Amino acid sequence: MAKVKKQWYYVYMTTCGPCAKITPIIDSLIACGTNISKITFQEFQKSYPKVGVRGTPSIIQVQEENGVATTINNIPSNTLIPLVDLSSSAPDLVTLNGAEYILSKVNES
């Protein structure tokens, strides 16, 4: 029987402005025990060269089975960036809603 591994990854770049605003939300979720691992875009590309990332920040669930990795869920940058755009006008609200949104997506799977 093949062993199947599923893992959520927060893919970011250190030079990315939106990533800098989303990262504290991700750090809070990780500190609370959410099953998300942080990985830079470059590290992700090295680890999973056949799993495409269209932009950062992204949250991607990767499934590995028989040495083959595939994306089975994702929260793309075009979903995360609107949370960043609101952060300057309502940081507490956006952090709470952003965290709840991400947590709901991660917990769906």
PDB file of N, CA and C in Angstrom:
ATOM      1  N   MET A   1       0.841  -1.182   0.000  1.00  0.00           N
ATOM      2  CA  MET A   1       0.000   0.000   0.000  1.00  0.00           C
ATOM      3  C   MET A   1       0.887   1.248   0.000  1.00  0.00           C
ATOM      4  N   ALA A   2       0.579   2.176  -0.851  1.00  0.00           N
ATOM      5  CA  ALA A   2       1.365   3.401  -0.968  1.00  0.00           C
ATOM      6  C   ALA A   2       1.060   4.339   0.193  1.00  0.00           C
ATOM      7  N   LYS A   3       2.110   4.963   0.690  1.00  0.00           N
ATOM      8  CA  LYS A   3       1.943   5.945   1.750  1.00  0.00           C
ATOM      9  C   LYS A   3       1.641   7.302   1.118  1.00  0.00           C
ATOM     10  N   VAL A   4       0.572   7.919   1.583  1.00  0.00           N
ATOM     11  CA  VAL A   4       0.169   9.218   1.061  1.00  0.00           C
ATOM     12  C   VAL A   4       0.441  10.266   2.132  1.00  0.00           C
ATOM     13  N   LYS A   5       1.144  11.314   1.735  1.00  0.00           N
ATOM     14  CA  LYS A   5       1.454  12.411   2.645  1.00  0.00           C
ATOM     15  C   LYS A   5       0.819  13.679   2.098  1.00  0.00           C
ATOM     16  N   LYS A   6       0.075  14.381   2.952  1.00  0.00           N
ATOM     17  CA  LYS A   6      -0.521  15.654   2.568  1.00  0.00           C
ATOM     18  C   LYS A   6       0.039  16.737   3.488  1.00  0.00           C
ATOM     19  N   GLN A   7       0.425  17.863   2.900  1.00  0.00           N
ATOM     20  CA  GLN A   7       0.971  18.956   3.682  1.00  0.00           C
ATOM     21  C   GLN A   7       0.610  20.293   3.050  1.00  0.00           C
ATOM     22  N   TRP A   8       0.204  21.257   3.892  1.00  0.00           N
ATOM     23  CA  TRP A   8      -0.040  22.626   3.450  1.00  0.00           C
ATOM     24  C   TRP A   8       1.261  23.401   3.547  1.00  0.00           C
ATOM     25  N   TYR A   9       1.530  24.226   2.544  1.00  0.00           N
ATOM     26  CA  TYR A   9       2.710  25.084   2.535  1.00  0.00           C
ATOM     27  C   TYR A   9       2.302  26.529   2.279  1.00  0.00           C
ATOM     28  N   TYR A  10       2.891  27.419   3.052  1.00  0.00           N
ATOM     29  CA  TYR A  10       2.781  28.847   2.790  1.00  0.00           C
ATOM     30  C   TYR A  10       4.021  29.211   1.989  1.00  0.00           C
ATOM     31  N   VAL A  11       3.837  29.552   0.721  1.00  0.00           N
ATOM     32  CA  VAL A  11       4.941  29.865  -0.181  1.00  0.00           C
ATOM     33  C   VAL A  11       5.057  31.384  -0.264  1.00  0.00           C
ATOM     34  N   TYR A  12       6.246  31.879   0.064  1.00  0.00           N
ATOM     35  CA  TYR A  12       6.451  33.323   0.118  1.00  0.00           C
ATOM     36  C   TYR A  12       7.837  33.691  -0.396  1.00  0.00           C
ATOM     37  N   MET A  13       8.031  34.978  -0.598  1.00  0.00           N
ATOM     38  CA  MET A  13       9.353  35.514  -0.942  1.00  0.00           C
ATOM     39  C   MET A  13       9.678  36.605   0.064  1.00  0.00           C
ATOM     40  N   THR A  14      10.932  36.664   0.474  1.00  0.00           N
ATOM     41  CA  THR A  14      11.329  37.656   1.477  1.00  0.00           C
ATOM     42  C   THR A  14      11.264  39.076   0.934  1.00  0.00           C
ATOM     43  N   THR A  15      11.297  39.245  -0.370  1.00  0.00           N
ATOM     44  CA  THR A  15      11.255  40.571  -0.983  1.00  0.00           C
ATOM     45  C   THR A  15       9.854  40.975  -1.439  1.00  0.00           C
ATOM     46  N   CYS A  16       8.860  40.191  -1.100  1.00  0.00           N
ATOM     47  CA  CYS A  16       7.486  40.418  -1.549  1.00  0.00           C
ATOM     48  C   CYS A  16       6.724  41.257  -0.516  1.00  0.00           C
ATOM     49  N   GLY A  17       6.223  42.413  -0.947  1.00  0.00           N
ATOM     50  CA  GLY A  17       5.465  43.290  -0.045  1.00  0.00           C
ATOM     51  C   GLY A  17       4.210  42.639   0.516  1.00  0.00           C
ATOM     52  N   PRO A  18       3.343  42.063  -0.336  1.00  0.00           N
ATOM     53  CA  PRO A  18       2.160  41.382   0.191  1.00  0.00           C
ATOM     54  C   PRO A  18       2.518  40.218   1.129  1.00  0.00           C
ATOM     55  N   CYS A  19       3.611  39.514   0.841  1.00  0.00           N
ATOM     56  CA  CYS A  19       4.037  38.412   1.718  1.00  0.00           C
ATOM     57  C   CYS A  19       4.374  38.946   3.111  1.00  0.00           C
ATOM     58  N   ALA A  20       5.032  40.098   3.161  1.00  0.00           N
ATOM     59  CA  ALA A  20       5.415  40.680   4.448  1.00  0.00           C
ATOM     60  C   ALA A  20       4.187  40.998   5.301  1.00  0.00           C
ATOM     61  N   LYS A  21       3.072  41.298   4.657  1.00  0.00           N
ATOM     62  CA  LYS A  21       1.849  41.608   5.397  1.00  0.00           C
ATOM     63  C   LYS A  21       1.064  40.350   5.765  1.00  0.00           C
ATOM     64  N   ILE A  22       1.125  39.315   4.957  1.00  0.00           N
ATOM     65  CA  ILE A  22       0.399  38.069   5.236  1.00  0.00           C
ATOM     66  C   ILE A  22       1.172  37.177   6.210  1.00  0.00           C
ATOM     67  N   THR A  23       2.498  37.242   6.196  1.00  0.00           N
ATOM     68  CA  THR A  23       3.321  36.357   7.019  1.00  0.00           C
ATOM     69  C   THR A  23       2.960  36.397   8.503  1.00  0.00           C
ATOM     70  N   PRO A  24       2.692  37.560   9.119  1.00  0.00           N
ATOM     71  CA  PRO A  24       2.303  37.535  10.539  1.00  0.00           C
ATOM     72  C   PRO A  24       1.020  36.736  10.803  1.00  0.00           C
ATOM     73  N   ILE A  25       0.092  36.761   9.847  1.00  0.00           N
ATOM     74  CA  ILE A  25      -1.130  35.960   9.983  1.00  0.00           C
ATOM     75  C   ILE A  25      -0.761  34.480   9.966  1.00  0.00           C
ATOM     76  N   ILE A  26       0.083  34.094   9.036  1.00  0.00           N
ATOM     77  CA  ILE A  26       0.509  32.698   8.927  1.00  0.00           C
ATOM     78  C   ILE A  26       1.275  32.284  10.178  1.00  0.00           C
ATOM     79  N   ASP A  27       2.166  33.152  10.651  1.00  0.00           N
ATOM     80  CA  ASP A  27       2.928  32.846  11.865  1.00  0.00           C
ATOM     81  C   ASP A  27       1.998  32.601  13.053  1.00  0.00           C
ATOM     82  N   SER A  28       0.942  33.397  13.159  1.00  0.00           N
ATOM     83  CA  SER A  28      -0.040  33.207  14.239  1.00  0.00           C
ATOM     84  C   SER A  28      -0.750  31.869  14.113  1.00  0.00           C
ATOM     85  N   LEU A  29      -1.141  31.518  12.894  1.00  0.00           N
ATOM     86  CA  LEU A  29      -1.812  30.243  12.675  1.00  0.00           C
ATOM     87  C   LEU A  29      -0.888  29.067  12.996  1.00  0.00           C
ATOM     88  N   ILE A  30       0.368  29.170  12.602  1.00  0.00           N
ATOM     89  CA  ILE A  30       1.340  28.111  12.903  1.00  0.00           C
ATOM     90  C   ILE A  30       1.544  27.993  14.406  1.00  0.00           C
ATOM     91  N   ALA A  31       1.640  29.130  15.096  1.00  0.00           N
ATOM     92  CA  ALA A  31       1.816  29.125  16.549  1.00  0.00           C
ATOM     93  C   ALA A  31       0.633  28.472  17.263  1.00  0.00           C
ATOM     94  N   CYS A  32      -0.541  28.532  16.649  1.00  0.00           N
ATOM     95  CA  CYS A  32      -1.742  27.910  17.232  1.00  0.00           C
ATOM     96  C   CYS A  32      -1.873  26.440  16.845  1.00  0.00           C
ATOM     97  N   GLY A  33      -0.908  25.905  16.099  1.00  0.00           N
ATOM     98  CA  GLY A  33      -0.919  24.487  15.767  1.00  0.00           C
ATOM     99  C   GLY A  33      -1.524  24.128  14.426  1.00  0.00           C
ATOM    100  N   THR A  34      -1.812  25.126  13.591  1.00  0.00           N
ATOM    101  CA  THR A  34      -2.353  24.840  12.268  1.00  0.00           C
ATOM    102  C   THR A  34      -1.290  24.134  11.421  1.00  0.00           C
ATOM    103  N   ASN A  35      -1.713  23.162  10.644  1.00  0.00           N
ATOM    104  CA  ASN A  35      -0.803  22.353   9.846  1.00  0.00           C
ATOM    105  C   ASN A  35      -0.388  23.071   8.559  1.00  0.00           C
ATOM    106  N   ILE A  36       0.416  24.132   8.719  1.00  0.00           N
ATOM    107  CA  ILE A  36       0.965  24.865   7.585  1.00  0.00           C
ATOM    108  C   ILE A  36       2.466  24.989   7.819  1.00  0.00           C
ATOM    109  N   SER A  37       3.248  24.714   6.793  1.00  0.00           N
ATOM    110  CA  SER A  37       4.695  24.911   6.870  1.00  0.00           C
ATOM    111  C   SER A  37       5.073  26.092   5.995  1.00  0.00           C
ATOM    112  N   LYS A  38       5.948  26.958   6.512  1.00  0.00           N
ATOM    113  CA  LYS A  38       6.437  28.078   5.720  1.00  0.00           C
ATOM    114  C   LYS A  38       7.608  27.606   4.871  1.00  0.00           C
ATOM    115  N   ILE A  39       7.626  28.050   3.616  1.00  0.00           N
ATOM    116  CA  ILE A  39       8.712  27.690   2.720  1.00  0.00           C
ATOM    117  C   ILE A  39       8.876  28.819   1.702  1.00  0.00           C
ATOM    118  N   THR A  40      10.114  29.187   1.440  1.00  0.00           N
ATOM    119  CA  THR A  40      10.326  30.228   0.438  1.00  0.00           C
ATOM    120  C   THR A  40      10.003  29.679  -0.946  1.00  0.00           C
ATOM    121  N   PHE A  41       9.723  30.577  -1.846  1.00  0.00           N
ATOM    122  CA  PHE A  41       9.415  30.200  -3.219  1.00  0.00           C
ATOM    123  C   PHE A  41      10.548  29.362  -3.813  1.00  0.00           C
ATOM    124  N   GLN A  42      11.791  29.801  -3.568  1.00  0.00           N
ATOM    125  CA  GLN A  42      12.941  29.089  -4.111  1.00  0.00           C
ATOM    126  C   GLN A  42      13.042  27.675  -3.535  1.00  0.00           C
ATOM    127  N   GLU A  43      12.843  27.529  -2.224  1.00  0.00           N
ATOM    128  CA  GLU A  43      12.903  26.209  -1.596  1.00  0.00           C
ATOM    129  C   GLU A  43      11.780  25.311  -2.121  1.00  0.00           C
ATOM    130  N   PHE A  44      10.593  25.892  -2.297  1.00  0.00           N
ATOM    131  CA  PHE A  44       9.466  25.118  -2.811  1.00  0.00           C
ATOM    132  C   PHE A  44       9.760  24.603  -4.212  1.00  0.00           C
ATOM    133  N   GLN A  45      10.299  25.485  -5.062  1.00  0.00           N
ATOM    134  CA  GLN A  45      10.613  25.082  -6.436  1.00  0.00           C
ATOM    135  C   GLN A  45      11.647  23.958  -6.455  1.00  0.00           C
ATOM    136  N   LYS A  46      12.615  23.988  -5.536  1.00  0.00           N
ATOM    137  CA  LYS A  46      13.617  22.917  -5.459  1.00  0.00           C
ATOM    138  C   LYS A  46      12.988  21.616  -4.969  1.00  0.00           C
ATOM    139  N   SER A  47      12.123  21.719  -3.965  1.00  0.00           N
ATOM    140  CA  SER A  47      11.501  20.524  -3.392  1.00  0.00           C
ATOM    141  C   SER A  47      10.429  19.927  -4.281  1.00  0.00           C
ATOM    142  N   TYR A  48       9.680  20.778  -4.962  1.00  0.00           N
ATOM    143  CA  TYR A  48       8.555  20.331  -5.792  1.00  0.00           C
ATOM    144  C   TYR A  48       8.620  20.991  -7.167  1.00  0.00           C
ATOM    145  N   PRO A  49       9.603  20.627  -7.985  1.00  0.00           N
ATOM    146  CA  PRO A  49       9.770  21.307  -9.276  1.00  0.00           C
ATOM    147  C   PRO A  49       8.597  21.135 -10.243  1.00  0.00           C
ATOM    148  N   LYS A  50       7.801  20.102 -10.048  1.00  0.00           N
ATOM    149  CA  LYS A  50       6.683  19.872 -10.967  1.00  0.00           C
ATOM    150  C   LYS A  50       5.363  20.435 -10.459  1.00  0.00           C
ATOM    151  N   VAL A  51       5.377  21.020  -9.254  1.00  0.00           N
ATOM    152  CA  VAL A  51       4.179  21.642  -8.702  1.00  0.00           C
ATOM    153  C   VAL A  51       4.312  23.142  -8.935  1.00  0.00           C
ATOM    154  N   GLY A  52       3.457  23.692  -9.759  1.00  0.00           N
ATOM    155  CA  GLY A  52       3.577  25.096 -10.116  1.00  0.00           C
ATOM    156  C   GLY A  52       3.013  26.042  -9.065  1.00  0.00           C
ATOM    157  N   VAL A  53       3.705  27.152  -8.891  1.00  0.00           N
ATOM    158  CA  VAL A  53       3.237  28.242  -8.043  1.00  0.00           C
ATOM    159  C   VAL A  53       3.129  29.452  -8.950  1.00  0.00           C
ATOM    160  N   ARG A  54       1.942  30.034  -9.037  1.00  0.00           N
ATOM    161  CA  ARG A  54       1.733  31.151  -9.959  1.00  0.00           C
ATOM    162  C   ARG A  54       2.162  32.485  -9.390  1.00  0.00           C
ATOM    163  N   GLY A  55       2.165  32.611  -8.094  1.00  0.00           N
ATOM    164  CA  GLY A  55       2.550  33.873  -7.481  1.00  0.00           C
ATOM    165  C   GLY A  55       2.673  33.721  -5.983  1.00  0.00           C
ATOM    166  N   THR A  56       3.256  34.721  -5.366  1.00  0.00           N
ATOM    167  CA  THR A  56       3.365  34.724  -3.914  1.00  0.00           C
ATOM    168  C   THR A  56       2.653  35.951  -3.389  1.00  0.00           C
ATOM    169  N   PRO A  57       2.088  35.849  -2.223  1.00  0.00           N
ATOM    170  CA  PRO A  57       2.002  34.687  -1.343  1.00  0.00           C
ATOM    171  C   PRO A  57       0.958  33.689  -1.830  1.00  0.00           C
ATOM    172  N   SER A  58       1.209  32.429  -1.593  1.00  0.00           N
ATOM    173  CA  SER A  58       0.257  31.362  -1.902  1.00  0.00           C
ATOM    174  C   SER A  58       0.275  30.335  -0.781  1.00  0.00           C
ATOM    175  N   ILE A  59      -0.838  29.677  -0.613  1.00  0.00           N
ATOM    176  CA  ILE A  59      -0.921  28.572   0.335  1.00  0.00           C
ATOM    177  C   ILE A  59      -1.374  27.368  -0.477  1.00  0.00           C
ATOM    178  N   ILE A  60      -0.538  26.339  -0.478  1.00  0.00           N
ATOM    179  CA  ILE A  60      -0.742  25.191  -1.355  1.00  0.00           C
ATOM    180  C   ILE A  60      -0.714  23.906  -0.539  1.00  0.00           C
ATOM    181  N   GLN A  61      -1.660  23.018  -0.810  1.00  0.00           N
ATOM    182  CA  GLN A  61      -1.623  21.694  -0.203  1.00  0.00           C
ATOM    183  C   GLN A  61      -1.062  20.724  -1.227  1.00  0.00           C
ATOM    184  N   VAL A  62       0.022  20.064  -0.840  1.00  0.00           N
ATOM    185  CA  VAL A  62       0.697  19.115  -1.719  1.00  0.00           C
ATOM    186  C   VAL A  62       0.443  17.707  -1.203  1.00  0.00           C
ATOM    187  N   GLN A  63       0.136  16.831  -2.122  1.00  0.00           N
ATOM    188  CA  GLN A  63      -0.017  15.409  -1.795  1.00  0.00           C
ATOM    189  C   GLN A  63       1.126  14.661  -2.459  1.00  0.00           C
ATOM    190  N   GLU A  64       1.818  13.871  -1.667  1.00  0.00           N
ATOM    191  CA  GLU A  64       2.891  13.027  -2.208  1.00  0.00           C
ATOM    192  C   GLU A  64       2.466  11.576  -2.099  1.00  0.00           C
ATOM    193  N   GLU A  65       2.517  10.897  -3.227  1.00  0.00           N
ATOM    194  CA  GLU A  65       2.165   9.480  -3.268  1.00  0.00           C
ATOM    195  C   GLU A  65       3.075   8.788  -4.276  1.00  0.00           C
ATOM    196  N   ASN A  66       3.743   7.746  -3.819  1.00  0.00           N
ATOM    197  CA  ASN A  66       4.674   7.005  -4.665  1.00  0.00           C
ATOM    198  C   ASN A  66       5.724   7.912  -5.301  1.00  0.00           C
ATOM    199  N   GLY A  67       6.191   8.888  -4.540  1.00  0.00           N
ATOM    200  CA  GLY A  67       7.230   9.788  -5.028  1.00  0.00           C
ATOM    201  C   GLY A  67       6.754  10.862  -5.980  1.00  0.00           C
ATOM    202  N   VAL A  68       5.453  10.946  -6.191  1.00  0.00           N
ATOM    203  CA  VAL A  68       4.893  11.956  -7.099  1.00  0.00           C
ATOM    204  C   VAL A  68       4.125  12.986  -6.279  1.00  0.00           C
ATOM    205  N   ALA A  69       4.476  14.258  -6.457  1.00  0.00           N
ATOM    206  CA  ALA A  69       3.811  15.343  -5.736  1.00  0.00           C
ATOM    207  C   ALA A  69       2.833  16.052  -6.658  1.00  0.00           C
ATOM    208  N   THR A  70       1.642  16.309  -6.141  1.00  0.00           N
ATOM    209  CA  THR A  70       0.633  17.054  -6.883  1.00  0.00           C
ATOM    210  C   THR A  70      -0.045  18.050  -5.954  1.00  0.00           C
ATOM    211  N   THR A  71      -0.556  19.119  -6.535  1.00  0.00           N
ATOM    212  CA  THR A  71      -1.330  20.093  -5.773  1.00  0.00           C
ATOM    213  C   THR A  71      -2.758  19.579  -5.678  1.00  0.00           C
ATOM    214  N   ILE A  72      -3.298  19.536  -4.454  1.00  0.00           N
ATOM    215  CA  ILE A  72      -4.686  19.098  -4.326  1.00  0.00           C
ATOM    216  C   ILE A  72      -5.602  20.220  -3.848  1.00  0.00           C
ATOM    217  N   ASN A  73      -5.036  21.263  -3.262  1.00  0.00           N
ATOM    218  CA  ASN A  73      -5.792  22.442  -2.856  1.00  0.00           C
ATOM    219  C   ASN A  73      -4.855  23.636  -2.906  1.00  0.00           C
ATOM    220  N   ASN A  74      -5.417  24.815  -3.102  1.00  0.00           N
ATOM    221  CA  ASN A  74      -4.583  25.999  -2.955  1.00  0.00           C
ATOM    222  C   ASN A  74      -5.420  27.221  -2.655  1.00  0.00           C
ATOM    223  N   ILE A  75      -4.768  28.162  -2.002  1.00  0.00           N
ATOM    224  CA  ILE A  75      -5.336  29.489  -1.778  1.00  0.00           C
ATOM    225  C   ILE A  75      -4.377  30.416  -2.518  1.00  0.00           C
ATOM    226  N   PRO A  76      -4.710  30.820  -3.749  1.00  0.00           N
ATOM    227  CA  PRO A  76      -3.773  31.558  -4.586  1.00  0.00           C
ATOM    228  C   PRO A  76      -3.573  33.003  -4.137  1.00  0.00           C
ATOM    229  N   SER A  77      -2.515  33.601  -4.675  1.00  0.00           N
ATOM    230  CA  SER A  77      -2.175  34.970  -4.307  1.00  0.00           C
ATOM    231  C   SER A  77      -3.306  35.944  -4.616  1.00  0.00           C
ATOM    232  N   ASN A  78      -4.068  35.703  -5.679  1.00  0.00           N
ATOM    233  CA  ASN A  78      -5.153  36.639  -6.001  1.00  0.00           C
ATOM    234  C   ASN A  78      -6.279  36.601  -4.973  1.00  0.00           C
ATOM    235  N   THR A  79      -6.302  35.585  -4.123  1.00  0.00           N
ATOM    236  CA  THR A  79      -7.257  35.540  -3.015  1.00  0.00           C
ATOM    237  C   THR A  79      -6.661  36.196  -1.772  1.00  0.00           C
ATOM    238  N   LEU A  80      -5.365  36.009  -1.551  1.00  0.00           N
ATOM    239  CA  LEU A  80      -4.712  36.540  -0.358  1.00  0.00           C
ATOM    240  C   LEU A  80      -4.429  38.036  -0.451  1.00  0.00           C
ATOM    241  N   ILE A  81      -4.082  38.526  -1.630  1.00  0.00           N
ATOM    242  CA  ILE A  81      -3.691  39.931  -1.776  1.00  0.00           C
ATOM    243  C   ILE A  81      -4.804  40.911  -1.408  1.00  0.00           C
ATOM    244  N   PRO A  82      -6.091  40.643  -1.711  1.00  0.00           N
ATOM    245  CA  PRO A  82      -7.122  41.577  -1.230  1.00  0.00           C
ATOM    246  C   PRO A  82      -7.130  41.735   0.292  1.00  0.00           C
ATOM    247  N   LEU A  83      -6.764  40.680   1.017  1.00  0.00           N
ATOM    248  CA  LEU A  83      -6.653  40.815   2.469  1.00  0.00           C
ATOM    249  C   LEU A  83      -5.552  41.805   2.830  1.00  0.00           C
ATOM    250  N   VAL A  84      -4.468  41.799   2.079  1.00  0.00           N
ATOM    251  CA  VAL A  84      -3.360  42.726   2.300  1.00  0.00           C
ATOM    252  C   VAL A  84      -3.793  44.148   1.979  1.00  0.00           C
ATOM    253  N   ASP A  85      -4.523  44.338   0.893  1.00  0.00           N
ATOM    254  CA  ASP A  85      -4.940  45.675   0.485  1.00  0.00           C
ATOM    255  C   ASP A  85      -5.792  46.353   1.543  1.00  0.00           C
ATOM    256  N   LEU A  86      -6.557  45.585   2.299  1.00  0.00           N
ATOM    257  CA  LEU A  86      -7.395  46.152   3.356  1.00  0.00           C
ATOM    258  C   LEU A  86      -6.631  46.377   4.653  1.00  0.00           C
ATOM    259  N   SER A  87      -5.440  45.821   4.773  1.00  0.00           N
ATOM    260  CA  SER A  87      -4.743  45.823   6.053  1.00  0.00           C
ATOM    261  C   SER A  87      -4.395  47.214   6.563  1.00  0.00           C
ATOM    262  N   SER A  88      -4.201  48.173   5.676  1.00  0.00           N
ATOM    263  CA  SER A  88      -3.846  49.514   6.143  1.00  0.00           C
ATOM    264  C   SER A  88      -5.038  50.241   6.747  1.00  0.00           C
ATOM    265  N   SER A  89      -6.254  49.934   6.307  1.00  0.00           N
ATOM    266  CA  SER A  89      -7.425  50.639   6.832  1.00  0.00           C
ATOM    267  C   SER A  89      -8.092  49.927   7.997  1.00  0.00           C
ATOM    268  N   ALA A  90      -7.934  48.615   8.091  1.00  0.00           N
ATOM    269  CA  ALA A  90      -8.576  47.868   9.186  1.00  0.00           C
ATOM    270  C   ALA A  90      -7.711  46.672   9.587  1.00  0.00           C
ATOM    271  N   PRO A  91      -6.519  46.922  10.146  1.00  0.00           N
ATOM    272  CA  PRO A  91      -5.589  45.806  10.396  1.00  0.00           C
ATOM    273  C   PRO A  91      -6.130  44.733  11.331  1.00  0.00           C
ATOM    274  N   ASP A  92      -6.839  45.108  12.391  1.00  0.00           N
ATOM    275  CA  ASP A  92      -7.355  44.092  13.318  1.00  0.00           C
ATOM    276  C   ASP A  92      -8.422  43.239  12.655  1.00  0.00           C
ATOM    277  N   LEU A  93      -9.314  43.859  11.939  1.00  0.00           N
ATOM    278  CA  LEU A  93     -10.384  43.142  11.250  1.00  0.00           C
ATOM    279  C   LEU A  93      -9.815  42.211  10.190  1.00  0.00           C
ATOM    280  N   VAL A  94      -8.868  42.709   9.417  1.00  0.00           N
ATOM    281  CA  VAL A  94      -8.294  41.910   8.340  1.00  0.00           C
ATOM    282  C   VAL A  94      -7.504  40.737   8.904  1.00  0.00           C
ATOM    283  N   THR A  95      -6.747  40.960   9.969  1.00  0.00           N
ATOM    284  CA  THR A  95      -5.988  39.863  10.569  1.00  0.00           C
ATOM    285  C   THR A  95      -6.925  38.775  11.049  1.00  0.00           C
ATOM    286  N   LEU A  96      -7.991  39.159  11.729  1.00  0.00           N
ATOM    287  CA  LEU A  96      -8.952  38.177  12.224  1.00  0.00           C
ATOM    288  C   LEU A  96      -9.637  37.471  11.060  1.00  0.00           C
ATOM    289  N   ASN A  97     -10.179  38.229  10.117  1.00  0.00           N
ATOM    290  CA  ASN A  97     -10.885  37.613   8.999  1.00  0.00           C
ATOM    291  C   ASN A  97      -9.942  36.841   8.095  1.00  0.00           C
ATOM    292  N   GLY A  98      -8.748  37.374   7.867  1.00  0.00           N
ATOM    293  CA  GLY A  98      -7.768  36.663   7.048  1.00  0.00           C
ATOM    294  C   GLY A  98      -7.382  35.340   7.667  1.00  0.00           C
ATOM    295  N   ALA A  99      -7.132  35.358   8.974  1.00  0.00           N
ATOM    296  CA  ALA A  99      -6.766  34.125   9.669  1.00  0.00           C
ATOM    297  C   ALA A  99      -7.919  33.133   9.640  1.00  0.00           C
ATOM    298  N   GLU A 100      -9.126  33.612   9.880  1.00  0.00           N
ATOM    299  CA  GLU A 100     -10.289  32.713   9.854  1.00  0.00           C
ATOM    300  C   GLU A 100     -10.498  32.123   8.465  1.00  0.00           C
ATOM    301  N   TYR A 101     -10.323  32.936   7.436  1.00  0.00           N
ATOM    302  CA  TYR A 101     -10.491  32.453   6.065  1.00  0.00           C
ATOM    303  C   TYR A 101      -9.468  31.363   5.754  1.00  0.00           C
ATOM    304  N   ILE A 102      -8.204  31.644   6.047  1.00  0.00           N
ATOM    305  CA  ILE A 102      -7.144  30.663   5.777  1.00  0.00           C
ATOM    306  C   ILE A 102      -7.383  29.399   6.581  1.00  0.00           C
ATOM    307  N   LEU A 103      -7.711  29.552   7.851  1.00  0.00           N
ATOM    308  CA  LEU A 103      -7.956  28.384   8.709  1.00  0.00           C
ATOM    309  C   LEU A 103      -9.125  27.547   8.184  1.00  0.00           C
ATOM    310  N   SER A 104     -10.178  28.201   7.716  1.00  0.00           N
ATOM    311  CA  SER A 104     -11.324  27.453   7.199  1.00  0.00           C
ATOM    312  C   SER A 104     -10.940  26.651   5.962  1.00  0.00           C
ATOM    313  N   LYS A 105     -10.105  27.228   5.098  1.00  0.00           N
ATOM    314  CA  LYS A 105      -9.665  26.513   3.891  1.00  0.00           C
ATOM    315  C   LYS A 105      -8.761  25.329   4.234  1.00  0.00           C
ATOM    316  N   VAL A 106      -7.837  25.541   5.171  1.00  0.00           N
ATOM    317  CA  VAL A 106      -6.914  24.478   5.571  1.00  0.00           C
ATOM    318  C   VAL A 106      -7.671  23.348   6.257  1.00  0.00           C
ATOM    319  N   ASN A 107      -8.651  23.697   7.067  1.00  0.00           N
ATOM    320  CA  ASN A 107      -9.405  22.672   7.800  1.00  0.00           C
ATOM    321  C   ASN A 107     -10.422  21.930   6.937  1.00  0.00           C
ATOM    322  N   GLU A 108     -10.745  22.465   5.756  1.00  0.00           N
ATOM    323  CA  GLU A 108     -11.684  21.782   4.852  1.00  0.00           C
ATOM    324  C   GLU A 108     -11.133  20.446   4.372  1.00  0.00           C
ATOM    325  N   SER A 109      -9.823  20.377   4.232  1.00  0.00           N
ATOM    326  CA  SER A 109      -9.239  19.176   3.627  1.00  0.00           C
ATOM    327  C   SER A 109      -8.866  18.139   4.654  1.00  0.00           C
TER     328      SER A 109
END
